[in-house]
Amino acid sequence: MSRTVAAWLQVVALLIGIGAVVMAIGRRDQLLENHDQQITELKSVASDLVRAQLTSAGNFQLTTQRITELERRMNLLK
């Protein structure tokens, strides 16, 4: 009788162990999926920042040209 109880306890312990491994794998997969989504979002943000920087640089150059032209025109008025 005690061997039967011991055998069943071993089966229960084995099942609990297998369940714990399956849950750990599931948590790890979820964590990897979350990180993948965050990396994708970070790539998008970085791309938007580069575009904004390029637009800003272009606008700065255009503004500088306009100021230079206005300065030239003001000098003509003197």
N, C-alpha and C. Protein backbone atom coordinates (compact mmCIF):
# COMPACT_ATOMS: atom_id res chain seq x y z
N MET A 1 0.82 -1.20 0.00
CA MET A 1 0.00 0.00 0.00
C MET A 1 0.87 1.26 0.00
N SER A 2 1.91 1.27 0.80
CA SER A 2 2.75 2.47 0.86
C SER A 2 3.49 2.69 -0.46
N ARG A 3 3.78 1.57 -1.19
CA ARG A 3 4.42 1.73 -2.49
C ARG A 3 3.45 2.37 -3.49
N THR A 4 2.20 2.03 -3.41
CA THR A 4 1.19 2.62 -4.29
C THR A 4 1.05 4.11 -4.02
N VAL A 5 0.99 4.48 -2.75
CA VAL A 5 0.89 5.89 -2.37
C VAL A 5 2.14 6.64 -2.82
N ALA A 6 3.30 6.05 -2.64
CA ALA A 6 4.56 6.68 -3.06
C ALA A 6 4.59 6.84 -4.57
N ALA A 7 4.11 5.85 -5.30
CA ALA A 7 4.08 5.93 -6.76
C ALA A 7 3.15 7.04 -7.22
N TRP A 8 1.97 7.14 -6.59
CA TRP A 8 1.04 8.20 -6.96
C TRP A 8 1.60 9.58 -6.61
N LEU A 9 2.28 9.68 -5.49
CA LEU A 9 2.91 10.96 -5.13
C LEU A 9 3.98 11.35 -6.14
N GLN A 10 4.72 10.35 -6.63
CA GLN A 10 5.72 10.63 -7.66
C GLN A 10 5.05 11.09 -8.95
N VAL A 11 3.95 10.47 -9.32
CA VAL A 11 3.21 10.88 -10.53
C VAL A 11 2.71 12.30 -10.36
N VAL A 12 2.14 12.62 -9.20
CA VAL A 12 1.63 13.97 -8.94
C VAL A 12 2.77 14.99 -9.00
N ALA A 13 3.91 14.64 -8.38
CA ALA A 13 5.06 15.55 -8.39
C ALA A 13 5.56 15.76 -9.82
N LEU A 14 5.59 14.69 -10.60
CA LEU A 14 6.02 14.78 -12.00
C LEU A 14 5.07 15.68 -12.80
N LEU A 15 3.77 15.51 -12.60
CA LEU A 15 2.79 16.34 -13.31
C LEU A 15 2.91 17.81 -12.90
N ILE A 16 3.14 18.06 -11.63
CA ILE A 16 3.32 19.45 -11.16
C ILE A 16 4.58 20.04 -11.80
N GLY A 17 5.63 19.25 -11.88
CA GLY A 17 6.86 19.71 -12.51
C GLY A 17 6.67 20.03 -13.99
N ILE A 18 5.98 19.14 -14.68
CA ILE A 18 5.71 19.38 -16.10
C ILE A 18 4.85 20.63 -16.28
N GLY A 19 3.85 20.79 -15.44
CA GLY A 19 3.00 21.99 -15.50
C GLY A 19 3.80 23.25 -15.26
N ALA A 20 4.73 23.21 -14.31
CA ALA A 20 5.56 24.38 -14.02
C ALA A 20 6.44 24.73 -15.22
N VAL A 21 6.98 23.72 -15.88
CA VAL A 21 7.82 23.95 -17.06
C VAL A 21 7.00 24.57 -18.19
N VAL A 22 5.81 24.04 -18.41
CA VAL A 22 4.94 24.57 -19.46
C VAL A 22 4.58 26.02 -19.17
N MET A 23 4.27 26.34 -17.91
CA MET A 23 3.94 27.73 -17.55
C MET A 23 5.14 28.65 -17.73
N ALA A 24 6.32 28.18 -17.37
CA ALA A 24 7.54 28.99 -17.53
C ALA A 24 7.79 29.28 -19.00
N ILE A 25 7.60 28.28 -19.84
CA ILE A 25 7.78 28.49 -21.28
C ILE A 25 6.75 29.49 -21.80
N GLY A 26 5.52 29.38 -21.35
CA GLY A 26 4.48 30.33 -21.76
C GLY A 26 4.80 31.75 -21.35
N ARG A 27 5.29 31.92 -20.12
CA ARG A 27 5.67 33.27 -19.66
C ARG A 27 6.82 33.82 -20.49
N ARG A 28 7.79 32.96 -20.78
CA ARG A 28 8.93 33.41 -21.58
C ARG A 28 8.50 33.81 -22.98
N ASP A 29 7.62 33.03 -23.59
CA ASP A 29 7.12 33.36 -24.92
C ASP A 29 6.36 34.69 -24.91
N GLN A 30 5.56 34.90 -23.88
CA GLN A 30 4.82 36.17 -23.76
C GLN A 30 5.78 37.33 -23.60
N LEU A 31 6.82 37.15 -22.80
CA LEU A 31 7.82 38.20 -22.60
C LEU A 31 8.53 38.52 -23.91
N LEU A 32 8.88 37.49 -24.67
CA LEU A 32 9.54 37.70 -25.97
C LEU A 32 8.62 38.44 -26.93
N GLU A 33 7.35 38.09 -26.92
CA GLU A 33 6.39 38.77 -27.80
C GLU A 33 6.24 40.24 -27.42
N ASN A 34 6.18 40.51 -26.11
CA ASN A 34 6.09 41.90 -25.66
C ASN A 34 7.33 42.69 -26.08
N HIS A 35 8.51 42.09 -25.92
CA HIS A 35 9.74 42.77 -26.32
C HIS A 35 9.77 43.01 -27.82
N ASP A 36 9.29 42.06 -28.59
CA ASP A 36 9.25 42.22 -30.04
C ASP A 36 8.36 43.40 -30.42
N GLN A 37 7.21 43.52 -29.76
CA GLN A 37 6.31 44.65 -30.03
C GLN A 37 6.96 45.97 -29.64
N GLN A 38 7.65 45.99 -28.52
CA GLN A 38 8.31 47.21 -28.07
C GLN A 38 9.44 47.61 -29.02
N ILE A 39 10.18 46.63 -29.52
CA ILE A 39 11.26 46.92 -30.46
C ILE A 39 10.69 47.46 -31.76
N THR A 40 9.59 46.90 -32.22
CA THR A 40 8.94 47.39 -33.43
C THR A 40 8.50 48.85 -33.24
N GLU A 41 7.91 49.14 -32.09
CA GLU A 41 7.48 50.51 -31.80
C GLU A 41 8.68 51.45 -31.72
N LEU A 42 9.77 50.99 -31.12
CA LEU A 42 10.97 51.80 -31.01
C LEU A 42 11.56 52.10 -32.39
N LYS A 43 11.53 51.11 -33.29
CA LYS A 43 11.99 51.35 -34.67
C LYS A 43 11.15 52.43 -35.34
N SER A 44 9.84 52.36 -35.12
CA SER A 44 8.94 53.35 -35.71
C SER A 44 9.22 54.74 -35.17
N VAL A 45 9.43 54.84 -33.86
CA VAL A 45 9.73 56.14 -33.24
C VAL A 45 11.05 56.69 -33.78
N ALA A 46 12.07 55.83 -33.87
CA ALA A 46 13.37 56.27 -34.38
C ALA A 46 13.25 56.75 -35.82
N SER A 47 12.47 56.05 -36.63
CA SER A 47 12.27 56.46 -38.02
C SER A 47 11.57 57.82 -38.09
N ASP A 48 10.55 58.02 -37.25
CA ASP A 48 9.85 59.30 -37.22
C ASP A 48 10.77 60.42 -36.77
N LEU A 49 11.64 60.13 -35.80
CA LEU A 49 12.58 61.16 -35.34
C LEU A 49 13.56 61.55 -36.43
N VAL A 50 14.03 60.58 -37.19
CA VAL A 50 14.95 60.88 -38.30
C VAL A 50 14.25 61.75 -39.33
N ARG A 51 13.01 61.39 -39.67
CA ARG A 51 12.25 62.21 -40.64
C ARG A 51 12.05 63.63 -40.11
N ALA A 52 11.71 63.75 -38.83
CA ALA A 52 11.51 65.08 -38.25
C ALA A 52 12.80 65.88 -38.26
N GLN A 53 13.92 65.23 -37.98
CA GLN A 53 15.20 65.92 -37.98
C GLN A 53 15.54 66.40 -39.39
N LEU A 54 15.31 65.54 -40.38
CA LEU A 54 15.60 65.94 -41.76
C LEU A 54 14.71 67.09 -42.20
N THR A 55 13.44 67.04 -41.82
CA THR A 55 12.52 68.13 -42.15
C THR A 55 12.95 69.42 -41.47
N SER A 56 13.34 69.30 -40.22
CA SER A 56 13.79 70.47 -39.47
C SER A 56 15.02 71.08 -40.10
N ALA A 57 15.97 70.24 -40.51
CA ALA A 57 17.19 70.74 -41.14
C ALA A 57 16.85 71.46 -42.44
N GLY A 58 15.93 70.89 -43.21
CA GLY A 58 15.52 71.53 -44.46
C GLY A 58 14.83 72.85 -44.20
N ASN A 59 13.96 72.89 -43.19
CA ASN A 59 13.27 74.14 -42.84
C ASN A 59 14.26 75.18 -42.34
N PHE A 60 15.27 74.76 -41.59
CA PHE A 60 16.27 75.69 -41.08
C PHE A 60 17.04 76.31 -42.24
N GLN A 61 17.39 75.50 -43.23
CA GLN A 61 18.12 76.00 -44.39
C GLN A 61 17.26 76.99 -45.16
N LEU A 62 15.99 76.68 -45.34
CA LEU A 62 15.08 77.58 -46.05
C LEU A 62 14.90 78.88 -45.27
N THR A 63 14.75 78.79 -43.96
CA THR A 63 14.61 79.99 -43.13
C THR A 63 15.86 80.86 -43.22
N THR A 64 17.01 80.21 -43.18
CA THR A 64 18.27 80.96 -43.29
C THR A 64 18.36 81.68 -44.64
N GLN A 65 17.94 81.02 -45.70
CA GLN A 65 17.95 81.65 -47.02
C GLN A 65 17.00 82.85 -47.06
N ARG A 66 15.84 82.70 -46.46
CA ARG A 66 14.87 83.80 -46.44
C ARG A 66 15.40 84.99 -45.65
N ILE A 67 16.02 84.70 -44.51
CA ILE A 67 16.58 85.80 -43.69
C ILE A 67 17.70 86.50 -44.45
N THR A 68 18.53 85.72 -45.12
CA THR A 68 19.61 86.31 -45.91
C THR A 68 19.05 87.20 -47.02
N GLU A 69 18.00 86.73 -47.69
CA GLU A 69 17.37 87.52 -48.75
C GLU A 69 16.75 88.80 -48.18
N LEU A 70 16.09 88.69 -47.01
CA LEU A 70 15.51 89.89 -46.38
C LEU A 70 16.60 90.87 -45.97
N GLU A 71 17.70 90.35 -45.46
CA GLU A 71 18.83 91.21 -45.07
C GLU A 71 19.39 91.93 -46.30
N ARG A 72 19.49 91.22 -47.40
CA ARG A 72 19.98 91.84 -48.64
C ARG A 72 19.04 92.94 -49.10
N ARG A 73 17.73 92.68 -49.02
CA ARG A 73 16.76 93.68 -49.43
C ARG A 73 16.78 94.89 -48.52
N MET A 74 16.98 94.66 -47.21
CA MET A 74 17.06 95.79 -46.27
C MET A 74 18.29 96.63 -46.56
N ASN A 75 19.38 95.99 -46.90
CA ASN A 75 20.60 96.72 -47.23
C ASN A 75 20.41 97.57 -48.48
N LEU A 76 19.59 97.12 -49.41
CA LEU A 76 19.30 97.89 -50.61
C LEU A 76 18.51 99.16 -50.27
N LEU A 77 17.70 99.07 -49.20
CA LEU A 77 16.89 100.23 -48.81
C LEU A 77 17.73 101.32 -48.15
N LYS A 78 18.87 100.97 -47.60
CA LYS A 78 19.69 101.95 -46.89
C LYS A 78 20.32 102.91 -47.79
